[in-house]
Amino acid sequence: MTIERYMVDGEVEPVSHYCHSVRAGNLVWVSGVVGMRADGTIPGDTVAQFDIAMDALDACLRAAGGKPEHVVKVQVFMTDISERAS
């Protein structure tokens, strides 16, 4: 099985030794998607952070040949659970 790794132009650089997305066969994994702009700034509200993260997820998926409608699981980490309903 061929394994391909992708670094996506315009996305936040990973803070560790991993790439934005990996394709193995017909599966794609995406890691480290956060609600931070490529320039390092973070919006003050949860919804804006979520929108940035989803745009980044879309870019990472497409770089590896995937599409958002094929996503099976998303794991979300929040620092303030009271904003979950946002």
N, C-alpha and C. Protein backbone atom coordinates (compact mmCIF):
# COMPACT_ATOMS: atom_id res chain seq x y z
N MET A 1 0.85 -1.17 0.00
CA MET A 1 0.00 0.00 0.00
C MET A 1 0.89 1.24 0.00
N THR A 2 0.55 2.19 -0.83
CA THR A 2 1.29 3.45 -0.89
C THR A 2 0.79 4.40 0.19
N ILE A 3 1.71 5.05 0.88
CA ILE A 3 1.37 6.06 1.88
C ILE A 3 1.92 7.39 1.38
N GLU A 4 1.04 8.39 1.28
CA GLU A 4 1.44 9.72 0.83
C GLU A 4 1.15 10.73 1.93
N ARG A 5 2.11 11.63 2.16
CA ARG A 5 1.97 12.66 3.18
C ARG A 5 1.86 14.02 2.51
N TYR A 6 1.02 14.89 3.07
CA TYR A 6 0.75 16.19 2.46
C TYR A 6 0.94 17.32 3.47
N MET A 7 1.66 18.35 3.04
CA MET A 7 1.73 19.61 3.75
C MET A 7 0.97 20.60 2.87
N VAL A 8 0.01 21.31 3.45
CA VAL A 8 -0.88 22.17 2.67
C VAL A 8 -0.44 23.63 2.77
N ASP A 9 -0.15 24.23 1.62
CA ASP A 9 0.24 25.64 1.58
C ASP A 9 -0.86 26.51 2.18
N GLY A 10 -0.47 27.49 2.98
CA GLY A 10 -1.42 28.43 3.56
C GLY A 10 -2.02 27.97 4.87
N GLU A 11 -1.73 26.76 5.31
CA GLU A 11 -2.25 26.27 6.59
C GLU A 11 -1.20 26.45 7.68
N VAL A 12 -1.65 26.43 8.92
CA VAL A 12 -0.76 26.59 10.08
C VAL A 12 0.28 25.48 10.07
N GLU A 13 1.53 25.84 10.27
CA GLU A 13 2.60 24.85 10.33
C GLU A 13 2.41 23.97 11.56
N PRO A 14 2.52 22.66 11.43
CA PRO A 14 2.43 21.78 12.60
C PRO A 14 3.50 22.12 13.62
N VAL A 15 3.16 21.97 14.90
CA VAL A 15 4.11 22.29 15.97
C VAL A 15 4.97 21.09 16.34
N SER A 16 4.76 19.99 15.70
CA SER A 16 5.53 18.78 15.99
C SER A 16 5.89 18.10 14.67
N HIS A 17 6.27 16.86 14.74
CA HIS A 17 6.72 16.12 13.57
C HIS A 17 5.57 15.34 12.92
N TYR A 18 4.65 16.06 12.33
CA TYR A 18 3.58 15.41 11.58
C TYR A 18 3.20 16.29 10.40
N CYS A 19 2.46 15.75 9.48
CA CYS A 19 2.01 16.51 8.32
C CYS A 19 0.52 16.77 8.45
N HIS A 20 0.00 17.62 7.59
CA HIS A 20 -1.42 17.98 7.66
C HIS A 20 -2.34 16.79 7.38
N SER A 21 -2.01 16.04 6.34
CA SER A 21 -2.86 14.89 6.01
C SER A 21 -2.02 13.76 5.44
N VAL A 22 -2.56 12.56 5.60
CA VAL A 22 -1.90 11.35 5.11
C VAL A 22 -2.94 10.52 4.37
N ARG A 23 -2.55 10.04 3.21
CA ARG A 23 -3.42 9.14 2.44
C ARG A 23 -2.75 7.78 2.38
N ALA A 24 -3.49 6.75 2.79
CA ALA A 24 -3.03 5.36 2.71
C ALA A 24 -4.11 4.58 1.98
N GLY A 25 -3.82 4.18 0.76
CA GLY A 25 -4.86 3.54 -0.05
C GLY A 25 -5.97 4.53 -0.32
N ASN A 26 -7.21 4.16 0.05
CA ASN A 26 -8.33 5.07 -0.16
C ASN A 26 -8.78 5.74 1.13
N LEU A 27 -7.93 5.72 2.17
CA LEU A 27 -8.24 6.38 3.44
C LEU A 27 -7.38 7.62 3.62
N VAL A 28 -7.96 8.66 4.23
CA VAL A 28 -7.23 9.90 4.50
C VAL A 28 -7.37 10.23 5.97
N TRP A 29 -6.24 10.57 6.61
CA TRP A 29 -6.24 11.03 8.00
C TRP A 29 -5.77 12.47 8.01
N VAL A 30 -6.40 13.29 8.86
CA VAL A 30 -6.02 14.69 9.02
C VAL A 30 -5.75 14.92 10.50
N SER A 31 -4.65 15.64 10.80
CA SER A 31 -4.28 15.89 12.20
C SER A 31 -3.96 17.36 12.43
N GLY A 32 -4.17 17.79 13.66
CA GLY A 32 -3.71 19.11 14.08
C GLY A 32 -4.46 20.28 13.50
N VAL A 33 -5.72 20.10 13.13
CA VAL A 33 -6.50 21.21 12.59
C VAL A 33 -7.01 22.04 13.77
N VAL A 34 -6.67 23.32 13.77
CA VAL A 34 -7.05 24.20 14.87
C VAL A 34 -7.71 25.47 14.33
N GLY A 35 -8.35 26.21 15.20
CA GLY A 35 -9.03 27.45 14.83
C GLY A 35 -8.11 28.65 14.84
N MET A 36 -6.94 28.50 14.24
CA MET A 36 -5.96 29.57 14.18
C MET A 36 -5.68 29.91 12.72
N ARG A 37 -5.60 31.21 12.44
CA ARG A 37 -5.27 31.64 11.09
C ARG A 37 -3.81 31.32 10.78
N ALA A 38 -3.47 31.26 9.50
CA ALA A 38 -2.10 30.94 9.08
C ALA A 38 -1.09 31.95 9.62
N ASP A 39 -1.54 33.19 9.91
CA ASP A 39 -0.61 34.19 10.45
C ASP A 39 -0.43 34.07 11.96
N GLY A 40 -1.08 33.05 12.55
CA GLY A 40 -0.92 32.79 13.98
C GLY A 40 -1.95 33.46 14.88
N THR A 41 -2.84 34.27 14.32
CA THR A 41 -3.86 34.93 15.13
C THR A 41 -5.04 33.99 15.36
N ILE A 42 -5.69 34.18 16.51
CA ILE A 42 -6.83 33.35 16.89
C ILE A 42 -8.02 34.26 17.15
N PRO A 43 -9.14 34.05 16.46
CA PRO A 43 -10.32 34.87 16.72
C PRO A 43 -10.80 34.68 18.16
N GLY A 44 -11.47 35.69 18.67
CA GLY A 44 -11.93 35.64 20.05
C GLY A 44 -13.16 34.79 20.29
N ASP A 45 -13.90 34.44 19.24
CA ASP A 45 -15.13 33.68 19.48
C ASP A 45 -15.04 32.27 18.91
N THR A 46 -15.76 31.37 19.54
CA THR A 46 -15.74 29.95 19.21
C THR A 46 -16.20 29.67 17.78
N VAL A 47 -17.25 30.35 17.34
CA VAL A 47 -17.79 30.09 16.00
C VAL A 47 -16.76 30.44 14.93
N ALA A 48 -16.07 31.56 15.07
CA ALA A 48 -15.04 31.94 14.09
C ALA A 48 -13.89 30.94 14.10
N GLN A 49 -13.50 30.47 15.27
CA GLN A 49 -12.44 29.46 15.37
C GLN A 49 -12.88 28.17 14.67
N PHE A 50 -14.12 27.78 14.90
CA PHE A 50 -14.65 26.57 14.27
C PHE A 50 -14.65 26.71 12.74
N ASP A 51 -15.09 27.87 12.25
CA ASP A 51 -15.12 28.09 10.80
C ASP A 51 -13.73 27.98 10.19
N ILE A 52 -12.73 28.55 10.86
CA ILE A 52 -11.35 28.47 10.38
C ILE A 52 -10.89 27.01 10.37
N ALA A 53 -11.20 26.28 11.43
CA ALA A 53 -10.80 24.87 11.51
C ALA A 53 -11.46 24.04 10.41
N MET A 54 -12.73 24.29 10.13
CA MET A 54 -13.43 23.53 9.08
C MET A 54 -12.88 23.87 7.69
N ASP A 55 -12.52 25.13 7.47
CA ASP A 55 -11.90 25.50 6.19
C ASP A 55 -10.55 24.79 6.04
N ALA A 56 -9.78 24.72 7.13
CA ALA A 56 -8.49 24.03 7.10
C ALA A 56 -8.68 22.54 6.87
N LEU A 57 -9.68 21.95 7.52
CA LEU A 57 -9.97 20.54 7.32
C LEU A 57 -10.30 20.27 5.86
N ASP A 58 -11.11 21.12 5.27
CA ASP A 58 -11.48 20.98 3.86
C ASP A 58 -10.23 21.03 2.98
N ALA A 59 -9.34 21.98 3.22
CA ALA A 59 -8.11 22.12 2.41
C ALA A 59 -7.22 20.89 2.56
N CYS A 60 -7.10 20.38 3.79
CA CYS A 60 -6.26 19.20 4.04
C CYS A 60 -6.84 17.95 3.38
N LEU A 61 -8.15 17.80 3.44
CA LEU A 61 -8.79 16.66 2.79
C LEU A 61 -8.59 16.71 1.28
N ARG A 62 -8.86 17.86 0.70
CA ARG A 62 -8.77 18.01 -0.75
C ARG A 62 -7.34 17.81 -1.26
N ALA A 63 -6.35 18.23 -0.46
CA ALA A 63 -4.94 18.03 -0.86
C ALA A 63 -4.63 16.55 -1.03
N ALA A 64 -5.31 15.72 -0.24
CA ALA A 64 -5.08 14.27 -0.28
C ALA A 64 -6.12 13.54 -1.13
N GLY A 65 -6.97 14.30 -1.83
CA GLY A 65 -7.96 13.68 -2.70
C GLY A 65 -9.27 13.34 -2.02
N GLY A 66 -9.49 13.84 -0.80
CA GLY A 66 -10.73 13.57 -0.08
C GLY A 66 -11.71 14.72 -0.19
N LYS A 67 -12.90 14.52 0.37
CA LYS A 67 -13.94 15.54 0.39
C LYS A 67 -14.62 15.53 1.75
N PRO A 68 -15.14 16.68 2.19
CA PRO A 68 -15.79 16.75 3.50
C PRO A 68 -16.95 15.77 3.66
N GLU A 69 -17.67 15.48 2.59
CA GLU A 69 -18.82 14.58 2.70
C GLU A 69 -18.42 13.13 2.98
N HIS A 70 -17.14 12.84 2.93
CA HIS A 70 -16.67 11.48 3.22
C HIS A 70 -16.10 11.34 4.63
N VAL A 71 -16.16 12.41 5.42
CA VAL A 71 -15.62 12.37 6.79
C VAL A 71 -16.48 11.45 7.65
N VAL A 72 -15.82 10.57 8.40
CA VAL A 72 -16.50 9.61 9.26
C VAL A 72 -16.51 10.08 10.71
N LYS A 73 -15.45 10.74 11.15
CA LYS A 73 -15.35 11.13 12.55
C LYS A 73 -14.57 12.43 12.68
N VAL A 74 -15.03 13.30 13.59
CA VAL A 74 -14.31 14.52 13.94
C VAL A 74 -14.22 14.56 15.46
N GLN A 75 -13.03 14.78 15.97
CA GLN A 75 -12.84 14.89 17.42
C GLN A 75 -12.55 16.35 17.74
N VAL A 76 -13.34 16.93 18.63
CA VAL A 76 -13.24 18.35 18.97
C VAL A 76 -12.77 18.50 20.41
N PHE A 77 -11.81 19.38 20.62
CA PHE A 77 -11.34 19.72 21.97
C PHE A 77 -11.69 21.17 22.23
N MET A 78 -12.29 21.45 23.38
CA MET A 78 -12.68 22.81 23.74
C MET A 78 -12.10 23.17 25.10
N THR A 79 -11.80 24.46 25.28
CA THR A 79 -11.31 24.91 26.58
C THR A 79 -12.44 25.43 27.46
N ASP A 80 -13.60 25.72 26.86
CA ASP A 80 -14.75 26.20 27.62
C ASP A 80 -15.99 25.46 27.14
N ILE A 81 -16.36 24.41 27.85
CA ILE A 81 -17.48 23.55 27.44
C ILE A 81 -18.81 24.31 27.40
N SER A 82 -18.90 25.43 28.10
CA SER A 82 -20.16 26.20 28.08
C SER A 82 -20.43 26.77 26.68
N GLU A 83 -19.42 26.83 25.82
CA GLU A 83 -19.60 27.34 24.46
C GLU A 83 -19.95 26.24 23.46
N ARG A 84 -20.16 25.04 23.95
CA ARG A 84 -20.43 23.89 23.09
C ARG A 84 -21.63 24.11 22.18
N ALA A 85 -22.66 24.75 22.66
CA ALA A 85 -23.88 24.97 21.87
C ALA A 85 -23.67 25.95 20.73
N SER A 86 -22.58 26.71 20.77
CA SER A 86 -22.32 27.70 19.71
C SER A 86 -22.21 27.01 18.39
